[in-house]
Protein backbone atom coordinates (compact mmCIF):
# COMPACT_ATOMS: atom_id res chain seq x y z
CA UNK A 1 -73.94 -6.20 93.31
CA UNK A 2 -73.79 -6.58 89.54
CA UNK A 3 -70.81 -8.91 89.69
CA UNK A 4 -72.59 -11.04 92.27
CA UNK A 5 -75.65 -11.50 90.08
CA UNK A 6 -73.47 -12.33 87.09
CA UNK A 7 -71.58 -14.91 89.09
CA UNK A 8 -74.82 -16.52 90.29
CA UNK A 9 -76.10 -16.76 86.71
CA UNK A 10 -72.86 -18.42 85.61
CA UNK A 11 -73.10 -20.87 88.48
CA UNK A 12 -76.69 -21.72 87.54
CA UNK A 13 -75.74 -22.40 83.92
CA UNK A 14 -72.88 -24.67 85.01
CA UNK A 15 -75.15 -26.49 87.40
CA UNK A 16 -77.89 -26.99 84.81
CA UNK A 17 -76.43 -28.73 81.73
CA UNK A 18 -79.78 -28.77 79.96
CA UNK A 19 -80.15 -25.01 80.17
CA UNK A 20 -76.55 -24.48 79.03
CA UNK A 21 -76.99 -26.54 75.85
CA UNK A 22 -77.09 -24.42 72.73
CA UNK A 23 -80.10 -24.51 70.34
CA UNK A 24 -77.86 -25.62 67.51
CA UNK A 25 -76.75 -28.60 69.55
CA UNK A 26 -80.36 -29.48 70.29
CA UNK A 27 -81.24 -29.45 66.62
CA UNK A 28 -78.23 -31.57 65.84
CA UNK A 29 -79.24 -34.11 68.44
CA UNK A 30 -82.79 -34.12 67.16
CA UNK A 31 -81.61 -34.80 63.64
CA UNK A 32 -79.54 -37.69 64.89
CA UNK A 33 -82.44 -39.32 66.66
CA UNK A 34 -83.90 -42.29 64.85
CA UNK A 35 -87.33 -41.40 63.41
CA UNK A 36 -89.93 -43.31 61.41
CA UNK A 37 -88.50 -45.23 58.44
CA UNK A 38 -89.06 -43.54 55.04
CA UNK A 39 -91.99 -44.79 53.04
CA UNK A 40 -91.36 -47.18 50.18
CA UNK A 41 -91.80 -45.20 46.97
CA UNK A 42 -93.49 -48.20 45.32
CA UNK A 43 -96.24 -48.04 47.93
CA UNK A 44 -96.66 -44.28 47.64
CA UNK A 45 -99.95 -43.05 46.18
CA UNK A 46 -98.24 -40.06 44.60
CA UNK A 47 -95.75 -42.36 42.84
CA UNK A 48 -98.50 -44.42 41.20
CA UNK A 49 -100.61 -41.38 40.44
CA UNK A 50 -97.74 -39.63 38.68
CA UNK A 51 -96.74 -42.64 36.59
CA UNK A 52 -100.29 -43.70 35.73
CA UNK A 53 -101.09 -40.19 34.53
CA UNK A 54 -97.93 -40.17 32.42
CA UNK A 55 -98.64 -43.51 30.74
CA UNK A 56 -102.32 -42.63 30.37
CA UNK A 57 -101.67 -39.49 28.33
CA UNK A 58 -98.87 -41.13 26.32
CA UNK A 59 -101.09 -44.06 25.31
CA UNK A 60 -103.95 -41.63 24.62
CA UNK A 61 -101.75 -39.54 22.32
CA UNK A 62 -100.56 -42.65 20.43
CA UNK A 63 -104.01 -44.17 19.99
CA UNK A 64 -106.05 -40.96 19.52
CA UNK A 65 -106.32 -40.97 15.71
CA UNK A 66 -106.68 -44.74 15.48
CA UNK A 67 -109.35 -44.80 18.20
CA UNK A 68 -111.32 -42.08 16.41
CA UNK A 69 -111.03 -43.98 13.12
CA UNK A 70 -112.13 -47.26 14.65
CA UNK A 71 -115.04 -45.56 16.45
CA UNK A 72 -116.35 -44.04 13.21
CA UNK A 73 -115.89 -47.25 11.21
CA UNK A 74 -117.56 -49.17 14.02
CA UNK A 75 -120.69 -47.13 13.29
CA UNK A 76 -120.40 -47.57 9.53
CA UNK A 77 -119.89 -51.33 9.90
CA UNK A 78 -122.87 -51.56 12.23
CA UNK A 79 -125.03 -49.84 9.59
CA UNK A 80 -123.38 -51.27 6.48
CA UNK A 81 -126.68 -52.51 5.04
CA UNK A 82 -128.15 -49.02 5.32
CA UNK A 83 -125.27 -47.29 3.51
CA UNK A 84 -125.63 -47.33 -0.25
CA UNK A 85 -122.51 -48.18 -2.21
CA UNK A 86 -121.95 -47.64 -5.93
CA UNK A 87 -119.09 -49.88 -7.03
CA UNK A 88 -117.08 -48.85 -10.07
CA UNK A 89 -115.45 -51.42 -12.31
CA UNK A 90 -112.35 -50.96 -14.44
CA UNK A 91 -111.39 -53.47 -17.13
CA UNK A 92 -108.15 -53.71 -19.10
CA UNK A 93 -107.00 -56.11 -21.80
CA UNK A 94 -103.68 -56.89 -23.45
CA UNK A 95 -101.96 -59.65 -25.41
CA UNK A 96 -98.61 -61.21 -24.71
CA UNK A 97 -95.93 -61.18 -27.39
CA UNK A 98 -94.48 -64.50 -28.49
CA UNK A 99 -91.49 -64.29 -26.14
CA UNK A 100 -93.65 -63.72 -23.06
CA UNK A 101 -96.14 -66.38 -24.14
CA UNK A 102 -93.33 -68.92 -24.20
CA UNK A 103 -92.67 -68.17 -20.51
CA UNK A 104 -96.31 -68.85 -19.68
CA UNK A 105 -96.32 -72.13 -21.55
CA UNK A 106 -93.01 -73.31 -20.08
CA UNK A 107 -93.93 -72.81 -16.40
CA UNK A 108 -95.76 -75.41 -14.27
CA UNK A 109 -98.98 -76.73 -15.71
CA UNK A 110 -100.80 -76.71 -12.35
CA UNK A 111 -100.22 -75.45 -8.81
CA UNK A 112 -99.37 -72.11 -7.19
CA UNK A 113 -96.33 -70.03 -8.06
CA UNK A 114 -95.57 -66.39 -8.87
CA UNK A 115 -95.44 -65.40 -12.51
CA UNK A 116 -91.89 -65.11 -13.91
CA UNK A 117 -90.34 -61.74 -13.12
CA UNK A 118 -89.75 -60.79 -16.81
CA UNK A 119 -93.45 -61.39 -17.43
CA UNK A 120 -94.42 -59.37 -14.35
CA UNK A 121 -92.22 -56.48 -15.54
CA UNK A 122 -93.81 -56.60 -19.02
CA UNK A 123 -97.35 -56.51 -17.58
CA UNK A 124 -96.47 -53.58 -15.30
CA UNK A 125 -94.98 -51.64 -18.20
CA UNK A 126 -97.93 -52.38 -20.49
CA UNK A 127 -101.01 -51.92 -18.27
CA UNK A 128 -99.44 -50.55 -15.02
CA UNK A 129 -100.48 -53.54 -12.92
CA UNK A 130 -97.92 -54.97 -10.49
CA UNK A 131 -98.18 -58.75 -10.15
CA UNK A 132 -94.55 -59.38 -9.18
CA UNK A 133 -94.11 -61.75 -6.27
CA UNK A 134 -97.84 -62.36 -5.86
CA UNK A 135 -99.02 -65.97 -5.69
CA UNK A 136 -100.69 -67.11 -8.89
CA UNK A 137 -102.89 -70.13 -9.54
CA UNK A 138 -101.71 -72.12 -12.54
CA UNK A 139 -104.09 -74.40 -14.40
CA UNK A 140 -103.88 -76.11 -17.79
CA UNK A 141 -105.76 -73.27 -19.49
CA UNK A 142 -104.90 -70.05 -17.62
CA UNK A 143 -102.93 -68.26 -14.93
CA UNK A 144 -105.04 -66.48 -12.30
CA UNK A 145 -103.60 -63.75 -10.05
CA UNK A 146 -105.77 -62.46 -7.21
CA UNK A 147 -105.21 -58.79 -6.38
CA UNK A 148 -107.52 -58.30 -3.42
CA UNK A 149 -107.27 -54.89 -1.76
CA UNK A 150 -109.09 -52.94 0.97
CA UNK A 151 -112.25 -51.31 -0.30
CA UNK A 152 -112.41 -53.38 -3.45
CA UNK A 153 -111.21 -56.38 -5.38
CA UNK A 154 -109.17 -57.11 -8.48
CA UNK A 155 -107.88 -60.02 -10.51
CA UNK A 156 -105.80 -60.74 -13.59
CA UNK A 157 -105.87 -63.78 -15.86
CA UNK A 158 -103.55 -64.91 -18.63
CA UNK A 159 -104.74 -67.37 -21.26
CA UNK A 160 -101.93 -69.90 -21.63
CA UNK A 161 -102.86 -70.78 -25.19
CA UNK A 162 -103.51 -67.38 -26.77
CA UNK A 163 -101.66 -65.04 -24.39
CA UNK A 164 -104.73 -62.85 -23.82
CA UNK A 165 -104.59 -60.84 -20.57
CA UNK A 166 -107.76 -59.75 -18.79
CA UNK A 167 -107.76 -57.45 -15.78
CA UNK A 168 -110.72 -56.28 -13.71
CA UNK A 169 -110.80 -53.98 -10.69
CA UNK A 170 -113.79 -53.10 -8.51
CA UNK A 171 -113.83 -50.12 -6.14
CA UNK A 172 -116.59 -49.92 -3.53
CA UNK A 173 -115.79 -46.42 -2.25
CA UNK A 174 -114.08 -44.77 0.72
CA UNK A 175 -116.46 -46.11 3.35
CA UNK A 176 -115.77 -49.68 2.25
CA UNK A 177 -112.06 -48.86 2.24
CA UNK A 178 -112.16 -47.60 5.85
CA UNK A 179 -114.32 -50.55 6.91
CA UNK A 180 -111.75 -52.97 5.51
CA UNK A 181 -109.00 -51.11 7.40
CA UNK A 182 -111.06 -51.65 10.55
CA UNK A 183 -111.28 -55.39 9.85
CA UNK A 184 -107.71 -55.72 8.59
CA UNK A 185 -109.04 -57.22 5.34
CA UNK A 186 -106.45 -57.48 2.56
CA UNK A 187 -104.28 -54.79 4.19
CA UNK A 188 -100.90 -56.53 4.30
CA UNK A 189 -98.24 -57.07 6.95
CA UNK A 190 -97.48 -53.42 7.76
CA UNK A 191 -101.09 -52.62 8.67
CA UNK A 192 -101.31 -55.84 10.69
CA UNK A 193 -98.31 -54.73 12.77
CA UNK A 194 -99.88 -51.30 13.24
CA UNK A 195 -103.10 -52.92 14.48
CA UNK A 196 -101.13 -54.89 17.09
CA UNK A 197 -99.34 -51.75 18.30
CA UNK A 198 -102.60 -49.79 18.37
CA UNK A 199 -104.32 -52.52 20.37
CA UNK A 200 -101.43 -52.53 22.87
CA UNK A 201 -101.71 -48.74 23.27
CA UNK A 202 -105.46 -49.09 23.89
CA UNK A 203 -104.84 -51.76 26.54
CA UNK A 204 -102.36 -49.47 28.32
CA UNK A 205 -104.85 -46.60 28.06
CA UNK A 206 -107.64 -48.68 29.62
CA UNK A 207 -105.52 -50.23 32.39
CA UNK A 208 -104.00 -46.91 33.45
CA UNK A 209 -107.46 -45.35 33.32
CA UNK A 210 -108.75 -48.05 35.65
CA UNK A 211 -105.89 -47.44 38.10
CA UNK A 212 -106.58 -43.69 38.00
CA UNK A 213 -110.23 -44.40 38.76
CA UNK A 214 -109.17 -46.41 41.79
CA UNK A 215 -106.83 -43.67 43.02
CA UNK A 216 -109.51 -40.97 42.69
CA UNK A 217 -112.47 -43.10 43.78
CA UNK A 218 -112.24 -41.97 47.44
CA UNK A 219 -113.32 -38.44 46.57
CA UNK A 220 -115.75 -39.49 43.82
CA UNK A 221 -118.43 -41.83 45.21
CA UNK A 222 -120.05 -42.38 41.82
CA UNK A 223 -116.90 -43.95 40.31
CA UNK A 224 -117.61 -47.62 40.93
CA UNK A 225 -121.37 -47.43 40.24
CA UNK A 226 -120.53 -45.95 36.82
CA UNK A 227 -117.93 -48.66 36.17
CA UNK A 228 -120.46 -51.31 37.22
CA UNK A 229 -123.03 -49.79 34.86
CA UNK A 230 -120.54 -50.01 31.99
CA UNK A 231 -120.08 -53.71 32.71
CA UNK A 232 -123.75 -54.50 33.32
CA UNK A 233 -125.32 -52.84 30.26
CA UNK A 234 -123.65 -54.98 27.54
CA UNK A 235 -124.23 -58.16 29.59
CA UNK A 236 -127.93 -57.36 29.99
CA UNK A 237 -128.27 -56.57 26.27
CA UNK A 238 -126.58 -59.88 25.37
CA UNK A 239 -128.75 -61.89 27.74
CA UNK A 240 -132.07 -60.33 26.75
CA UNK A 241 -131.73 -59.38 23.08
CA UNK A 242 -128.95 -61.51 21.55
CA UNK A 243 -129.75 -65.19 21.01
C-alpha cells in the first residue's frame, strides 16, 4: 500500500510541472522578470535633500562669522548718528636731509607718481610710516600722500622747498573700523576678494535654504505664508514709508 501511494505522488509531480518546480527556481525566474525601471537619481527627493542639506551647512559654516559681523555692523551703521565717536589725532614731523631733498626736487613737478623708494625707506626708518608704492600727488610746492584706512584717515606731505615732512593720523574707534569693513571702505584688494567669497557663500546658503523649504513644505503648511511675509514686509515699508 505504501509503495502504491508513493508511486501515485511521483506520478502527480511528473504530471504537474508547476508543482514540481523548486522554490529556488521560482525566485530565480522572478528575479529575471522585467520590473519597473529604476528611478533617476536626479529626480529623487532624497538625492536633492541630501545634497541641499550638505551644501546648506557647508555654506553656513563658511559664512557664520562674517554673517554675524555684518549683522552687528548693519545695526551700528543704521544708528551711526546715535553712536558717539571720539576721534584721536596723531601728528608727526620730520625734515629731510639734503640728499633726500634732492630726490624730491628732481622728480616730476606735477602729476601722480609714487615717491622714490630710497625716500620711502628713509621716511619709514625715521617716523615708521610706510609710503612705498602708494600713489602720491606732486605739485610745484609739495608732495601729498593719502593714507586712508578703515576706521580713520591719514596723510603725509613733503614740502619740496624746505624738506619739511608733516604726518597726521585720525582714528575714529573700533565701531568706525568695523563699519568700514562692512562697507569695504579703504580695505584693499584682499578684503575685497573676501567680500566676494563671503557673498557667494551667502547666496549658496539662501538658495539651498529655499530648496529645503520647498522639500519640507508638504508637512509644514506655514512655510510659504512665512516666506510671503518676508517678501511683503520690506515692500510695504518701502511703498508707505520710504519716498
